Amino acid sequence: MKPVHYADYLQLDKILGAQQLESELHQQPAHDEMLFIIIHQAYELWFKQIMYEVESVNAIMQQPSLNDNSPELQTVVHRLQRSVSILKLLVQQIDVMETMTPMDFLDFRDMLRPASGFQSWQFKALEARLGLQFDQRHGQEYYISQLRPEQIALIKQVESEQPLISLLNQWLERMPFLDEAANWFDQYSNVYRSSLTEKESANWDGFIAMFGVGETAVENPARQLSARASRAALFIMLYRGYPILQLPFQLLNVLLEIDEQLSTWRYRHMNMVHRIIGTRVGTGGSTGKEYLKGAVDKHYIFREIAQLTSFLVERRRLPVLDPQTERRLGFGA
């Protein structure tokens, strides 16, 4: 076997030689431009790793049958948890970026035009891979306007494939306990409605819309989770204490963590931009802080899972499941 050298394996010549300072090319060296480049290169490397994890998860979830107590589901949860850890690291990198003062940035900012983080095609592809739809995007007019044709083609290819949120919907719809414990939802609907205060009465309308209560209920095509999938997710959240539902609950929870970390990253990024350039237009022509604020408010991919918390009741009020379902949920014979 041929010996492998550390520097060759990591291709360090390419990586460490990939920092070309525009300020030096203009013969106006700006010390903090090196930091600016390395942080953004690190971001792109981590985006690549998260995409690699999500693509592998989607491949597993695309299987027509997935054992909810199998190593495969454990792999899905593990790889998504790794993605959350990476996203936390991306948030922490902003602390390093903020050691650069506004005047430090102005030393080289105008030399970067029209380059912008808005041109990160990897991040847009990652959002699409997770399930952010075009009509859910803030600033659709900017979305791909500054990308190269080959980058646009890559993003369009990702958008044409089934995203994680859609695969999650299919997986939830297959959950057998919805049919085996047929009476639990009718019982739970009554319990939930009786738990609402007068000020919470509007929650019942939301309950009907999400779970398709009543014979006249119509499936909302704008929703990414069907009524049946939403009921399955609710069942998992309510009865997560049973062993067989532990992994499914962890899957739902880690998806909420992904949204939370993406939102935290956008929020920190927005505040950093405001701190460094104020209300000025971004180098790529976007509205800077205002664009980022719109993305913070709108770009929640798994919001329908988060909405389920509005429809929970105390454990002591949960309907008792039939003995056969309880045995299966507890690995009983």
C-alpha atoms as a PDB file:
ATOM      1  CA  MET A   1       0.000   0.000   0.000  1.00  0.00           C
ATOM      2  CA  LYS A   2       1.346   3.405  -0.988  1.00  0.00           C
ATOM      3  CA  PRO A   3       2.159   5.620   2.034  1.00  0.00           C
ATOM      4  CA  VAL A   4      -0.018   8.706   2.418  1.00  0.00           C
ATOM      5  CA  HIS A   5       1.437  12.030   3.538  1.00  0.00           C
ATOM      6  CA  TYR A   6      -0.658  14.374   5.691  1.00  0.00           C
ATOM      7  CA  ALA A   7      -0.135  17.405   3.432  1.00  0.00           C
ATOM      8  CA  ASP A   8      -0.894  15.437   0.272  1.00  0.00           C
ATOM      9  CA  TYR A   9      -3.987  13.780   1.740  1.00  0.00           C
ATOM     10  CA  LEU A  10      -5.453  17.130   2.757  1.00  0.00           C
ATOM     11  CA  GLN A  11      -4.159  18.873  -0.384  1.00  0.00           C
ATOM     12  CA  LEU A  12      -2.818  21.631   1.815  1.00  0.00           C
ATOM     13  CA  ASP A  13      -0.967  23.297  -1.063  1.00  0.00           C
ATOM     14  CA  LYS A  14      -4.349  24.039  -2.662  1.00  0.00           C
ATOM     15  CA  ILE A  15      -6.107  25.005   0.557  1.00  0.00           C
ATOM     16  CA  LEU A  16      -3.367  27.201   2.042  1.00  0.00           C
ATOM     17  CA  GLY A  17      -2.693  28.810  -1.319  1.00  0.00           C
ATOM     18  CA  ALA A  18      -6.327  29.737  -1.899  1.00  0.00           C
ATOM     19  CA  GLN A  19      -6.301  33.104  -0.122  1.00  0.00           C
ATOM     20  CA  GLN A  20      -5.781  35.825  -2.723  1.00  0.00           C
ATOM     21  CA  LEU A  21      -6.292  39.245  -1.162  1.00  0.00           C
ATOM     22  CA  GLU A  22      -7.924  41.785  -3.452  1.00  0.00           C
ATOM     23  CA  SER A  23      -6.433  44.557  -1.379  1.00  0.00           C
ATOM     24  CA  GLU A  24      -2.914  43.330  -2.213  1.00  0.00           C
ATOM     25  CA  LEU A  25      -3.786  43.182  -5.909  1.00  0.00           C
ATOM     26  CA  HIS A  26      -4.810  46.849  -5.599  1.00  0.00           C
ATOM     27  CA  GLN A  27      -1.562  47.522  -3.722  1.00  0.00           C
ATOM     28  CA  GLN A  28      -3.547  48.675  -0.686  1.00  0.00           C
ATOM     29  CA  PRO A  29      -2.983  45.771   1.762  1.00  0.00           C
ATOM     30  CA  ALA A  30      -5.793  45.359   4.323  1.00  0.00           C
ATOM     31  CA  HIS A  31      -4.823  43.079   7.201  1.00  0.00           C
ATOM     32  CA  ASP A  32      -8.359  41.858   8.034  1.00  0.00           C
ATOM     33  CA  GLU A  33      -9.111  40.667   4.503  1.00  0.00           C
ATOM     34  CA  MET A  34      -7.255  37.415   5.265  1.00  0.00           C
ATOM     35  CA  LEU A  35      -9.638  36.758   8.162  1.00  0.00           C
ATOM     36  CA  PHE A  36     -12.630  37.605   5.956  1.00  0.00           C
ATOM     37  CA  ILE A  37     -11.569  35.124   3.261  1.00  0.00           C
ATOM     38  CA  ILE A  38     -10.714  32.252   5.591  1.00  0.00           C
ATOM     39  CA  ILE A  39     -13.985  32.521   7.529  1.00  0.00           C
ATOM     40  CA  HIS A  40     -16.031  32.413   4.340  1.00  0.00           C
ATOM     41  CA  GLN A  41     -13.995  29.550   2.925  1.00  0.00           C
ATOM     42  CA  ALA A  42     -14.616  27.656   6.166  1.00  0.00           C
ATOM     43  CA  TYR A  43     -18.340  28.378   5.823  1.00  0.00           C
ATOM     44  CA  GLU A  44     -18.395  26.889   2.334  1.00  0.00           C
ATOM     45  CA  LEU A  45     -16.510  23.775   3.463  1.00  0.00           C
ATOM     46  CA  TRP A  46     -18.994  23.232   6.276  1.00  0.00           C
ATOM     47  CA  PHE A  47     -21.933  23.831   3.901  1.00  0.00           C
ATOM     48  CA  LYS A  48     -20.478  21.064   1.750  1.00  0.00           C
ATOM     49  CA  GLN A  49     -20.322  18.714   4.744  1.00  0.00           C
ATOM     50  CA  ILE A  50     -23.903  19.463   5.824  1.00  0.00           C
ATOM     51  CA  MET A  51     -25.092  18.889   2.256  1.00  0.00           C
ATOM     52  CA  TYR A  52     -23.215  15.579   2.237  1.00  0.00           C
ATOM     53  CA  GLU A  53     -25.008  14.523   5.438  1.00  0.00           C
ATOM     54  CA  VAL A  54     -28.458  15.631   4.251  1.00  0.00           C
ATOM     55  CA  GLU A  55     -28.048  13.915   0.879  1.00  0.00           C
ATOM     56  CA  SER A  56     -27.215  10.645   2.652  1.00  0.00           C
ATOM     57  CA  VAL A  57     -30.232  11.075   4.949  1.00  0.00           C
ATOM     58  CA  ASN A  58     -32.529  11.696   1.978  1.00  0.00           C
ATOM     59  CA  ALA A  59     -31.227   8.543   0.285  1.00  0.00           C
ATOM     60  CA  ILE A  60     -32.153   6.497   3.370  1.00  0.00           C
ATOM     61  CA  MET A  61     -35.554   8.165   3.724  1.00  0.00           C
ATOM     62  CA  GLN A  62     -36.376   7.455   0.079  1.00  0.00           C
ATOM     63  CA  GLN A  63     -36.628   3.746   0.788  1.00  0.00           C
ATOM     64  CA  PRO A  64     -40.206   2.433   0.484  1.00  0.00           C
ATOM     65  CA  SER A  65     -39.969   0.877   3.940  1.00  0.00           C
ATOM     66  CA  LEU A  66     -37.926   2.107   6.886  1.00  0.00           C
ATOM     67  CA  ASN A  67     -37.883   0.198  10.173  1.00  0.00           C
ATOM     68  CA  ASP A  68     -38.390   2.798  12.901  1.00  0.00           C
ATOM     69  CA  ASN A  69     -36.275   0.772  15.301  1.00  0.00           C
ATOM     70  CA  SER A  70     -33.506   0.034  12.845  1.00  0.00           C
ATOM     71  CA  PRO A  71     -29.860   1.112  12.568  1.00  0.00           C
ATOM     72  CA  GLU A  72     -30.884   3.100   9.486  1.00  0.00           C
ATOM     73  CA  LEU A  73     -33.158   5.425  11.444  1.00  0.00           C
ATOM     74  CA  GLN A  74     -30.436   5.770  14.065  1.00  0.00           C
ATOM     75  CA  THR A  75     -28.084   6.769  11.233  1.00  0.00           C
ATOM     76  CA  VAL A  76     -30.568   9.399  10.011  1.00  0.00           C
ATOM     77  CA  VAL A  77     -30.860  10.938  13.477  1.00  0.00           C
ATOM     78  CA  HIS A  78     -27.102  10.771  14.077  1.00  0.00           C
ATOM     79  CA  ARG A  79     -26.203  12.503  10.801  1.00  0.00           C
ATOM     80  CA  LEU A  80     -28.768  15.235  11.323  1.00  0.00           C
ATOM     81  CA  GLN A  81     -27.489  15.756  14.874  1.00  0.00           C
ATOM     82  CA  ARG A  82     -24.000  16.117  13.400  1.00  0.00           C
ATOM     83  CA  SER A  83     -25.411  18.759  11.040  1.00  0.00           C
ATOM     84  CA  VAL A  84     -26.812  20.631  14.049  1.00  0.00           C
ATOM     85  CA  SER A  85     -23.374  20.572  15.694  1.00  0.00           C
ATOM     86  CA  ILE A  86     -21.850  22.027  12.527  1.00  0.00           C
ATOM     87  CA  LEU A  87     -24.497  24.753  12.382  1.00  0.00           C
ATOM     88  CA  LYS A  88     -23.694  25.675  15.983  1.00  0.00           C
ATOM     89  CA  LEU A  89     -20.066  26.008  14.939  1.00  0.00           C
ATOM     90  CA  LEU A  90     -21.089  28.321  12.083  1.00  0.00           C
ATOM     91  CA  VAL A  91     -22.883  30.546  14.572  1.00  0.00           C
ATOM     92  CA  GLN A  92     -19.770  30.620  16.784  1.00  0.00           C
ATOM     93  CA  GLN A  93     -17.614  31.690  13.819  1.00  0.00           C
ATOM     94  CA  ILE A  94     -19.463  35.012  13.832  1.00  0.00           C
ATOM     95  CA  ASP A  95     -17.698  35.804  17.117  1.00  0.00           C
ATOM     96  CA  VAL A  96     -14.409  35.630  15.221  1.00  0.00           C
ATOM     97  CA  MET A  97     -15.768  37.732  12.353  1.00  0.00           C
ATOM     98  CA  GLU A  98     -16.894  40.395  14.809  1.00  0.00           C
ATOM     99  CA  THR A  99     -13.282  40.992  15.879  1.00  0.00           C
ATOM    100  CA  MET A 100     -13.132  42.941  12.607  1.00  0.00           C
ATOM    101  CA  THR A 101     -14.272  46.530  13.148  1.00  0.00           C
ATOM    102  CA  PRO A 102     -16.329  48.566  10.640  1.00  0.00           C
ATOM    103  CA  MET A 103     -13.251  50.590   9.693  1.00  0.00           C
ATOM    104  CA  ASP A 104     -11.238  47.382   9.211  1.00  0.00           C
ATOM    105  CA  PHE A 105     -13.866  46.189   6.740  1.00  0.00           C
ATOM    106  CA  LEU A 106     -14.009  49.492   4.894  1.00  0.00           C
ATOM    107  CA  ASP A 107     -10.308  49.110   4.122  1.00  0.00           C
ATOM    108  CA  PHE A 108     -11.201  46.517   1.471  1.00  0.00           C
ATOM    109  CA  ARG A 109     -15.007  46.368   1.158  1.00  0.00           C
ATOM    110  CA  ASP A 110     -15.374  48.322  -2.080  1.00  0.00           C
ATOM    111  CA  MET A 111     -12.773  46.107  -3.746  1.00  0.00           C
ATOM    112  CA  LEU A 112     -15.121  43.091  -3.393  1.00  0.00           C
ATOM    113  CA  ARG A 113     -18.053  44.377  -5.465  1.00  0.00           C
ATOM    114  CA  PRO A 114     -20.215  42.715  -6.646  1.00  0.00           C
ATOM    115  CA  ALA A 115     -19.095  39.607  -4.693  1.00  0.00           C
ATOM    116  CA  SER A 116     -21.460  38.796  -1.823  1.00  0.00           C
ATOM    117  CA  GLY A 117     -22.430  35.986   0.515  1.00  0.00           C
ATOM    118  CA  PHE A 118     -25.725  36.145  -1.369  1.00  0.00           C
ATOM    119  CA  GLN A 119     -23.875  34.353  -4.172  1.00  0.00           C
ATOM    120  CA  SER A 120     -23.349  31.236  -2.038  1.00  0.00           C
ATOM    121  CA  TRP A 121     -25.061  28.700  -4.277  1.00  0.00           C
ATOM    122  CA  GLN A 122     -24.233  25.909  -1.820  1.00  0.00           C
ATOM    123  CA  PHE A 123     -26.316  27.486   0.934  1.00  0.00           C
ATOM    124  CA  LYS A 124     -29.284  27.987  -1.399  1.00  0.00           C
ATOM    125  CA  ALA A 125     -28.995  24.367  -2.545  1.00  0.00           C
ATOM    126  CA  LEU A 126     -28.851  23.207   1.068  1.00  0.00           C
ATOM    127  CA  GLU A 127     -32.026  25.117   1.912  1.00  0.00           C
ATOM    128  CA  ALA A 128     -33.731  23.531  -1.090  1.00  0.00           C
ATOM    129  CA  ARG A 129     -32.455  20.058  -0.156  1.00  0.00           C
ATOM    130  CA  LEU A 130     -34.002  20.461   3.281  1.00  0.00           C
ATOM    131  CA  GLY A 131     -37.303  21.687   1.846  1.00  0.00           C
ATOM    132  CA  LEU A 132     -37.406  25.467   1.449  1.00  0.00           C
ATOM    133  CA  GLN A 133     -39.634  26.064  -1.571  1.00  0.00           C
ATOM    134  CA  PHE A 134     -39.175  28.933  -4.030  1.00  0.00           C
ATOM    135  CA  ASP A 135     -42.523  30.511  -3.112  1.00  0.00           C
ATOM    136  CA  GLN A 136     -41.459  30.515   0.559  1.00  0.00           C
ATOM    137  CA  ARG A 137     -38.315  32.524  -0.130  1.00  0.00           C
ATOM    138  CA  HIS A 138     -37.848  36.126   0.865  1.00  0.00           C
ATOM    139  CA  GLY A 139     -36.433  38.331  -1.876  1.00  0.00           C
ATOM    140  CA  GLN A 140     -37.300  36.074  -4.782  1.00  0.00           C
ATOM    141  CA  GLU A 141     -36.177  38.786  -7.196  1.00  0.00           C
ATOM    142  CA  TYR A 142     -32.608  38.438  -5.888  1.00  0.00           C
ATOM    143  CA  TYR A 143     -32.690  34.674  -5.424  1.00  0.00           C
ATOM    144  CA  ILE A 144     -30.554  33.558  -8.380  1.00  0.00           C
ATOM    145  CA  SER A 145     -30.001  36.896 -10.109  1.00  0.00           C
ATOM    146  CA  GLN A 146     -26.272  37.047  -9.344  1.00  0.00           C
ATOM    147  CA  LEU A 147     -25.355  33.400  -9.804  1.00  0.00           C
ATOM    148  CA  ARG A 148     -23.527  31.898 -12.745  1.00  0.00           C
ATOM    149  CA  PRO A 149     -25.521  29.700 -15.180  1.00  0.00           C
ATOM    150  CA  GLU A 150     -23.880  26.489 -13.969  1.00  0.00           C
ATOM    151  CA  GLN A 151     -24.691  27.378 -10.347  1.00  0.00           C
ATOM    152  CA  ILE A 152     -28.306  28.116 -11.233  1.00  0.00           C
ATOM    153  CA  ALA A 153     -28.497  24.739 -12.979  1.00  0.00           C
ATOM    154  CA  LEU A 154     -27.216  22.972  -9.858  1.00  0.00           C
ATOM    155  CA  ILE A 155     -29.795  24.676  -7.647  1.00  0.00           C
ATOM    156  CA  LYS A 156     -32.620  23.948 -10.100  1.00  0.00           C
ATOM    157  CA  GLN A 157     -31.544  20.309 -10.145  1.00  0.00           C
ATOM    158  CA  VAL A 158     -31.769  20.132  -6.351  1.00  0.00           C
ATOM    159  CA  GLU A 159     -35.169  21.843  -6.413  1.00  0.00           C
ATOM    160  CA  SER A 160     -36.444  19.215  -8.862  1.00  0.00           C
ATOM    161  CA  GLU A 161     -35.609  16.416  -6.405  1.00  0.00           C
ATOM    162  CA  GLN A 162     -37.636  15.352  -3.391  1.00  0.00           C
ATOM    163  CA  PRO A 163     -36.546  17.352  -0.319  1.00  0.00           C
ATOM    164  CA  LEU A 164     -36.229  16.096   3.229  1.00  0.00           C
ATOM    165  CA  ILE A 165     -39.536  17.647   4.366  1.00  0.00           C
ATOM    166  CA  SER A 166     -41.402  15.734   1.643  1.00  0.00           C
ATOM    167  CA  LEU A 167     -39.646  12.473   2.532  1.00  0.00           C
ATOM    168  CA  LEU A 168     -40.526  13.094   6.178  1.00  0.00           C
ATOM    169  CA  ASN A 169     -44.170  13.503   5.165  1.00  0.00           C
ATOM    170  CA  GLN A 170     -44.159  10.140   3.381  1.00  0.00           C
ATOM    171  CA  TRP A 171     -42.472   8.447   6.328  1.00  0.00           C
ATOM    172  CA  LEU A 172     -44.992   9.842   8.795  1.00  0.00           C
ATOM    173  CA  GLU A 173     -47.915   8.796   6.607  1.00  0.00           C
ATOM    174  CA  ARG A 174     -46.694   5.179   6.775  1.00  0.00           C
ATOM    175  CA  MET A 175     -46.848   5.026  10.577  1.00  0.00           C
ATOM    176  CA  PRO A 176     -49.005   1.957  11.362  1.00  0.00           C
ATOM    177  CA  PHE A 177     -50.240   3.068  14.779  1.00  0.00           C
ATOM    178  CA  LEU A 178     -52.589   5.624  13.233  1.00  0.00           C
ATOM    179  CA  ASP A 179     -54.778   2.790  11.960  1.00  0.00           C
ATOM    180  CA  GLU A 180     -54.230   0.387  14.850  1.00  0.00           C
ATOM    181  CA  ALA A 181     -55.159   2.977  17.466  1.00  0.00           C
ATOM    182  CA  ALA A 182     -58.028   4.331  15.439  1.00  0.00           C
ATOM    183  CA  ASN A 183     -59.985   5.841  18.324  1.00  0.00           C
ATOM    184  CA  TRP A 184     -57.141   7.730  19.951  1.00  0.00           C
ATOM    185  CA  PHE A 185     -57.409  10.799  17.734  1.00  0.00           C
ATOM    186  CA  ASP A 186     -61.157  11.270  18.233  1.00  0.00           C
ATOM    187  CA  GLN A 187     -60.617  10.999  21.966  1.00  0.00           C
ATOM    188  CA  TYR A 188     -57.666  13.350  21.847  1.00  0.00           C
ATOM    189  CA  SER A 189     -59.598  15.932  19.802  1.00  0.00           C
ATOM    190  CA  ASN A 190     -62.208  16.114  22.539  1.00  0.00           C
ATOM    191  CA  VAL A 191     -59.561  16.351  25.259  1.00  0.00           C
ATOM    192  CA  TYR A 192     -57.708  19.120  23.423  1.00  0.00           C
ATOM    193  CA  ARG A 193     -60.822  21.159  22.712  1.00  0.00           C
ATOM    194  CA  SER A 194     -61.912  20.970  26.336  1.00  0.00           C
ATOM    195  CA  SER A 195     -58.445  22.170  27.440  1.00  0.00           C
ATOM    196  CA  LEU A 196     -58.709  25.485  25.591  1.00  0.00           C
ATOM    197  CA  THR A 197     -59.488  28.685  27.451  1.00  0.00           C
ATOM    198  CA  GLU A 198     -61.814  31.297  26.004  1.00  0.00           C
ATOM    199  CA  LYS A 199     -58.831  33.313  24.743  1.00  0.00           C
ATOM    200  CA  GLU A 200     -57.448  30.188  23.015  1.00  0.00           C
ATOM    201  CA  SER A 201     -60.615  29.357  21.075  1.00  0.00           C
ATOM    202  CA  ALA A 202     -58.906  30.259  17.779  1.00  0.00           C
ATOM    203  CA  ASN A 203     -56.541  27.342  18.372  1.00  0.00           C
ATOM    204  CA  TRP A 204     -59.385  24.979  17.556  1.00  0.00           C
ATOM    205  CA  ASP A 205     -59.565  26.378  14.026  1.00  0.00           C
ATOM    206  CA  GLY A 206     -55.844  25.725  13.687  1.00  0.00           C
ATOM    207  CA  PHE A 207     -56.333  22.198  15.004  1.00  0.00           C
ATOM    208  CA  ILE A 208     -59.002  21.532  12.379  1.00  0.00           C
ATOM    209  CA  ALA A 209     -56.831  22.966   9.595  1.00  0.00           C
ATOM    210  CA  MET A 210     -53.747  20.954  10.549  1.00  0.00           C
ATOM    211  CA  PHE A 211     -55.312  17.579  11.311  1.00  0.00           C
ATOM    212  CA  GLY A 212     -58.323  17.495   8.976  1.00  0.00           C
ATOM    213  CA  VAL A 213     -61.008  17.162  11.643  1.00  0.00           C
ATOM    214  CA  GLY A 214     -64.534  16.413  10.455  1.00  0.00           C
ATOM    215  CA  GLU A 215     -66.006  14.995   7.283  1.00  0.00           C
ATOM    216  CA  THR A 216     -65.911  18.345   5.477  1.00  0.00           C
ATOM    217  CA  ALA A 217     -62.193  18.892   6.118  1.00  0.00           C
ATOM    218  CA  VAL A 218     -60.181  19.622   2.961  1.00  0.00           C
ATOM    219  CA  GLU A 219     -56.452  18.933   2.561  1.00  0.00           C
ATOM    220  CA  ASN A 220     -54.540  22.207   2.238  1.00  0.00           C
ATOM    221  CA  PRO A 221     -52.182  21.913  -0.780  1.00  0.00           C
ATOM    222  CA  ALA A 222     -50.001  24.718   0.589  1.00  0.00           C
ATOM    223  CA  ARG A 223     -49.006  22.622   3.588  1.00  0.00           C
ATOM    224  CA  GLN A 224     -45.920  20.428   3.426  1.00  0.00           C
ATOM    225  CA  LEU A 225     -47.249  17.890   5.925  1.00  0.00           C
ATOM    226  CA  SER A 226     -50.551  16.190   5.135  1.00  0.00           C
ATOM    227  CA  ALA A 227     -53.254  15.839   7.777  1.00  0.00           C
ATOM    228  CA  ARG A 228     -52.344  12.166   8.222  1.00  0.00           C
ATOM    229  CA  ALA A 229     -48.632  12.956   8.571  1.00  0.00           C
ATOM    230  CA  SER A 230     -49.435  15.716  11.072  1.00  0.00           C
ATOM    231  CA  ARG A 231     -51.487  13.277  13.138  1.00  0.00           C
ATOM    232  CA  ALA A 232     -48.583  10.820  13.110  1.00  0.00           C
ATOM    233  CA  ALA A 233     -46.153  13.537  14.247  1.00  0.00           C
ATOM    234  CA  LEU A 234     -48.571  14.541  17.004  1.00  0.00           C
ATOM    235  CA  PHE A 235     -48.873  10.895  18.118  1.00  0.00           C
ATOM    236  CA  ILE A 236     -45.068  10.629  18.291  1.00  0.00           C
ATOM    237  CA  MET A 237     -44.804  13.789  20.389  1.00  0.00           C
ATOM    238  CA  LEU A 238     -47.586  12.768  22.764  1.00  0.00           C
ATOM    239  CA  TYR A 239     -46.489   9.173  23.320  1.00  0.00           C
ATOM    240  CA  ARG A 240     -42.724   9.563  22.946  1.00  0.00           C
ATOM    241  CA  GLY A 241     -42.190   7.844  26.288  1.00  0.00           C
ATOM    242  CA  TYR A 242     -42.769   4.461  24.634  1.00  0.00           C
ATOM    243  CA  PRO A 243     -39.490   2.837  23.486  1.00  0.00           C
ATOM    244  CA  ILE A 244     -40.399   2.420  19.820  1.00  0.00           C
ATOM    245  CA  LEU A 245     -41.205   6.119  19.495  1.00  0.00           C
ATOM    246  CA  GLN A 246     -37.934   7.389  20.958  1.00  0.00           C
ATOM    247  CA  LEU A 247     -36.038   7.530  17.659  1.00  0.00           C
ATOM    248  CA  PRO A 248     -38.970   9.019  15.711  1.00  0.00           C
ATOM    249  CA  PHE A 249     -39.249  11.722  18.377  1.00  0.00           C
ATOM    250  CA  GLN A 250     -35.522  12.423  18.160  1.00  0.00           C
ATOM    251  CA  LEU A 251     -35.897  12.809  14.396  1.00  0.00           C
ATOM    252  CA  LEU A 252     -38.657  15.395  14.759  1.00  0.00           C
ATOM    253  CA  ASN A 253     -36.691  17.183  17.464  1.00  0.00           C
ATOM    254  CA  VAL A 254     -33.458  17.364  15.473  1.00  0.00           C
ATOM    255  CA  LEU A 255     -35.313  18.907  12.526  1.00  0.00           C
ATOM    256  CA  LEU A 256     -36.568  21.637  14.857  1.00  0.00           C
ATOM    257  CA  GLU A 257     -32.968  22.132  16.014  1.00  0.00           C
ATOM    258  CA  ILE A 258     -31.844  22.558  12.407  1.00  0.00           C
ATOM    259  CA  ASP A 259     -34.409  25.316  11.898  1.00  0.00           C
ATOM    260  CA  GLU A 260     -33.420  26.903  15.198  1.00  0.00           C
ATOM    261  CA  GLN A 261     -29.712  26.945  14.352  1.00  0.00           C
ATOM    262  CA  LEU A 262     -30.320  28.249  10.820  1.00  0.00           C
ATOM    263  CA  SER A 263     -32.494  30.999  12.284  1.00  0.00           C
ATOM    264  CA  THR A 264     -29.860  31.820  14.933  1.00  0.00           C
ATOM    265  CA  TRP A 265     -27.168  31.971  12.254  1.00  0.00           C
ATOM    266  CA  ARG A 266     -29.275  34.334  10.113  1.00  0.00           C
ATOM    267  CA  TYR A 267     -30.092  36.499  13.126  1.00  0.00           C
ATOM    268  CA  ARG A 268     -26.454  36.770  14.224  1.00  0.00           C
ATOM    269  CA  HIS A 269     -25.439  37.442  10.620  1.00  0.00           C
ATOM    270  CA  MET A 270     -28.072  40.187  10.368  1.00  0.00           C
ATOM    271  CA  ASN A 271     -26.855  41.889  13.555  1.00  0.00           C
ATOM    272  CA  MET A 272     -23.230  41.580  12.458  1.00  0.00           C
ATOM    273  CA  VAL A 273     -24.034  43.196   9.093  1.00  0.00           C
ATOM    274  CA  HIS A 274     -25.891  46.028  10.826  1.00  0.00           C
ATOM    275  CA  ARG A 275     -22.961  46.518  13.198  1.00  0.00           C
ATOM    276  CA  ILE A 276     -20.384  46.654  10.401  1.00  0.00           C
ATOM    277  CA  ILE A 277     -22.153  48.458   7.505  1.00  0.00           C
ATOM    278  CA  GLY A 278     -25.244  49.946   9.191  1.00  0.00           C
ATOM    279  CA  THR A 279     -27.993  50.649   6.667  1.00  0.00           C
ATOM    280  CA  ARG A 280     -25.758  50.641   3.585  1.00  0.00           C
ATOM    281  CA  VAL A 281     -26.509  48.409   0.603  1.00  0.00           C
ATOM    282  CA  GLY A 282     -24.700  45.052   0.528  1.00  0.00           C
ATOM    283  CA  THR A 283     -21.789  44.568  -1.865  1.00  0.00           C
ATOM    284  CA  GLY A 284     -24.005  42.314  -3.961  1.00  0.00           C
ATOM    285  CA  GLY A 285     -26.745  44.958  -4.252  1.00  0.00           C
ATOM    286  CA  SER A 286     -29.167  43.533  -1.684  1.00  0.00           C
ATOM    287  CA  THR A 287     -30.724  45.693   1.021  1.00  0.00           C
ATOM    288  CA  GLY A 288     -28.240  44.355   3.563  1.00  0.00           C
ATOM    289  CA  LYS A 289     -29.785  44.110   7.019  1.00  0.00           C
ATOM    290  CA  GLU A 290     -33.366  44.441   5.722  1.00  0.00           C
ATOM    291  CA  TYR A 291     -32.976  41.483   3.366  1.00  0.00           C
ATOM    292  CA  LEU A 292     -31.484  39.362   6.132  1.00  0.00           C
ATOM    293  CA  LYS A 293     -34.297  40.341   8.520  1.00  0.00           C
ATOM    294  CA  GLY A 294     -36.861  39.164   5.956  1.00  0.00           C
ATOM    295  CA  ALA A 295     -35.070  35.834   5.634  1.00  0.00           C
ATOM    296  CA  VAL A 296     -34.966  35.436   9.433  1.00  0.00           C
ATOM    297  CA  ASP A 297     -38.725  35.977   9.611  1.00  0.00           C
ATOM    298  CA  LYS A 298     -39.694  33.785   6.650  1.00  0.00           C
ATOM    299  CA  HIS A 299     -37.181  30.969   6.095  1.00  0.00           C
ATOM    300  CA  TYR A 300     -38.476  28.322   8.508  1.00  0.00           C
ATOM    301  CA  ILE A 301     -38.453  24.944   6.784  1.00  0.00           C
ATOM    302  CA  PHE A 302     -39.959  22.744   9.491  1.00  0.00           C
ATOM    303  CA  ARG A 303     -42.427  25.283  10.857  1.00  0.00           C
ATOM    304  CA  GLU A 304     -45.307  22.792  10.659  1.00  0.00           C
ATOM    305  CA  ILE A 305     -43.555  20.493  13.116  1.00  0.00           C
ATOM    306  CA  ALA A 306     -42.994  23.470  15.422  1.00  0.00           C
ATOM    307  CA  GLN A 307     -46.706  24.323  15.201  1.00  0.00           C
ATOM    308  CA  LEU A 308     -47.564  20.981  16.808  1.00  0.00           C
ATOM    309  CA  THR A 309     -46.604  22.336  20.224  1.00  0.00           C
ATOM    310  CA  SER A 310     -49.742  24.491  20.113  1.00  0.00           C
ATOM    311  CA  PHE A 311     -51.825  21.317  20.162  1.00  0.00           C
ATOM    312  CA  LEU A 312     -50.328  19.428  23.121  1.00  0.00           C
ATOM    313  CA  VAL A 313     -51.975  18.715  26.467  1.00  0.00           C
ATOM    314  CA  GLU A 314     -50.634  17.488  29.799  1.00  0.00           C
ATOM    315  CA  ARG A 315     -49.555  13.829  29.975  1.00  0.00           C
ATOM    316  CA  ARG A 316     -52.167  13.088  32.647  1.00  0.00           C
ATOM    317  CA  ARG A 317     -54.928  13.957  30.176  1.00  0.00           C
ATOM    318  CA  LEU A 318     -53.727  11.756  27.305  1.00  0.00           C
ATOM    319  CA  PRO A 319     -56.173   9.088  26.087  1.00  0.00           C
ATOM    320  CA  VAL A 320     -55.209   5.595  27.249  1.00  0.00           C
ATOM    321  CA  LEU A 321     -54.138   3.432  24.314  1.00  0.00           C
ATOM    322  CA  ASP A 322     -55.578  -0.007  23.786  1.00  0.00           C
ATOM    323  CA  PRO A 323     -53.521  -2.898  25.268  1.00  0.00           C
ATOM    324  CA  GLN A 324     -52.407  -4.266  21.863  1.00  0.00           C
ATOM    325  CA  THR A 325     -50.998  -0.912  20.745  1.00  0.00           C
ATOM    326  CA  GLU A 326     -49.312  -0.407  24.112  1.00  0.00           C
ATOM    327  CA  ARG A 327     -47.594  -3.785  23.822  1.00  0.00           C
ATOM    328  CA  ARG A 328     -46.263  -2.970  20.357  1.00  0.00           C
ATOM    329  CA  LEU A 329     -45.059   0.459  21.411  1.00  0.00           C
ATOM    330  CA  GLY A 330     -43.256  -1.104  24.360  1.00  0.00           C
ATOM    331  CA  PHE A 331     -41.729  -3.991  22.368  1.00  0.00           C
ATOM    332  CA  GLY A 332     -44.235  -6.378  23.954  1.00  0.00           C
ATOM    333  CA  ALA A 333     -45.040  -9.744  22.419  1.00  0.00           C
END
